[in-house]
Amino acid sequence: MLLWDANGFWLFYKRLERGTFERLRNPSSTQLEITRGELSMLLDGFQVVKGNKREHFADEVDIVRVTKHGQQC
């Protein structure tokens, strides 16, 4: 995602472990403007138009911390 904030460009990159992002299109233009809420939904794996969770998105990711001695925290 490329964002212009009047001071320069921000480049955002997110790689999914599984699945794909919904592809949004604007048939009347090559540009697409979405709200902050729509962006949040898109990045969290929801269909922006329908509001449904898309397939192949991980709902939760378990992060386990292991000590030097091999014990989980």
Protein backbone atom coordinates (compact mmCIF):
# COMPACT_ATOMS: atom_id res chain seq x y z
CA MET A 1 0.00 0.00 0.00
CA LEU A 2 1.33 3.41 -0.86
CA LEU A 3 0.11 6.43 1.10
CA TRP A 4 0.81 10.11 0.51
CA ASP A 5 0.63 12.32 3.62
CA ALA A 6 1.59 15.72 2.08
CA ASN A 7 5.13 15.31 3.40
CA GLY A 8 6.13 12.18 1.52
CA PHE A 9 5.09 8.66 0.77
CA TRP A 10 4.60 5.85 3.29
CA LEU A 11 5.05 2.30 2.04
CA PHE A 12 3.17 -0.42 3.93
CA TYR A 13 3.76 -4.13 3.38
CA LYS A 14 1.95 -7.05 4.99
CA ARG A 15 2.58 -10.68 4.11
CA LEU A 16 -0.14 -13.17 4.92
CA GLU A 17 0.66 -16.62 6.24
CA ARG A 18 -2.39 -17.98 4.38
CA GLY A 19 -5.02 -16.64 2.04
CA THR A 20 -5.25 -13.37 0.16
CA PHE A 21 -6.60 -9.89 0.66
CA GLU A 22 -9.91 -8.91 -0.90
CA ARG A 23 -9.31 -7.05 -4.14
CA LEU A 24 -11.20 -3.77 -4.13
CA ARG A 25 -11.94 -2.07 -7.43
CA ASN A 26 -13.29 1.25 -8.59
CA PRO A 27 -14.65 0.70 -12.12
CA SER A 28 -14.80 4.42 -12.90
CA SER A 29 -11.21 5.26 -11.90
CA THR A 30 -7.72 3.87 -11.51
CA GLN A 31 -7.65 5.24 -7.94
CA LEU A 32 -9.43 3.86 -4.92
CA GLU A 33 -10.06 5.71 -1.67
CA ILE A 34 -11.18 3.78 1.42
CA THR A 35 -11.90 4.85 4.97
CA ARG A 36 -9.76 3.99 7.97
CA GLY A 37 -12.42 1.50 9.10
CA GLU A 38 -12.50 -0.20 5.69
CA LEU A 39 -8.70 -0.49 5.73
CA SER A 40 -8.83 -2.05 9.17
CA MET A 41 -11.46 -4.56 8.00
CA LEU A 42 -9.43 -5.36 4.89
CA LEU A 43 -6.22 -5.98 6.87
CA ASP A 44 -8.09 -8.11 9.43
CA GLY A 45 -9.48 -10.37 6.71
CA PHE A 46 -13.06 -9.14 6.40
CA GLN A 47 -14.88 -8.58 3.14
CA VAL A 48 -15.31 -4.82 3.14
CA VAL A 49 -18.58 -4.86 1.19
CA LYS A 50 -20.26 -7.81 2.96
CA GLY A 51 -18.56 -7.68 6.37
CA ASN A 52 -17.86 -11.44 6.38
CA LYS A 53 -14.63 -13.08 7.48
CA ARG A 54 -12.76 -14.39 4.44
CA GLU A 55 -11.58 -17.99 4.22
CA HIS A 56 -7.97 -18.94 4.92
CA PHE A 57 -7.28 -16.13 7.38
CA ALA A 58 -5.83 -17.18 10.70
CA ASP A 59 -8.17 -16.00 13.46
CA GLU A 60 -5.50 -16.28 16.10
CA VAL A 61 -1.77 -16.73 16.11
CA ASP A 62 -0.21 -18.42 19.12
CA ILE A 63 3.14 -16.99 20.11
CA VAL A 64 4.97 -19.09 22.65
CA ARG A 65 7.97 -17.79 24.52
CA VAL A 66 10.53 -20.41 25.46
CA THR A 67 13.18 -19.85 28.13
CA LYS A 68 16.81 -20.87 27.83
CA HIS A 69 15.94 -24.08 29.64
CA GLY A 70 13.24 -25.04 27.10
CA GLN A 71 10.27 -24.14 29.30
CA GLN A 72 7.29 -22.26 27.94
CA CYS A 73 6.35 -18.95 29.57
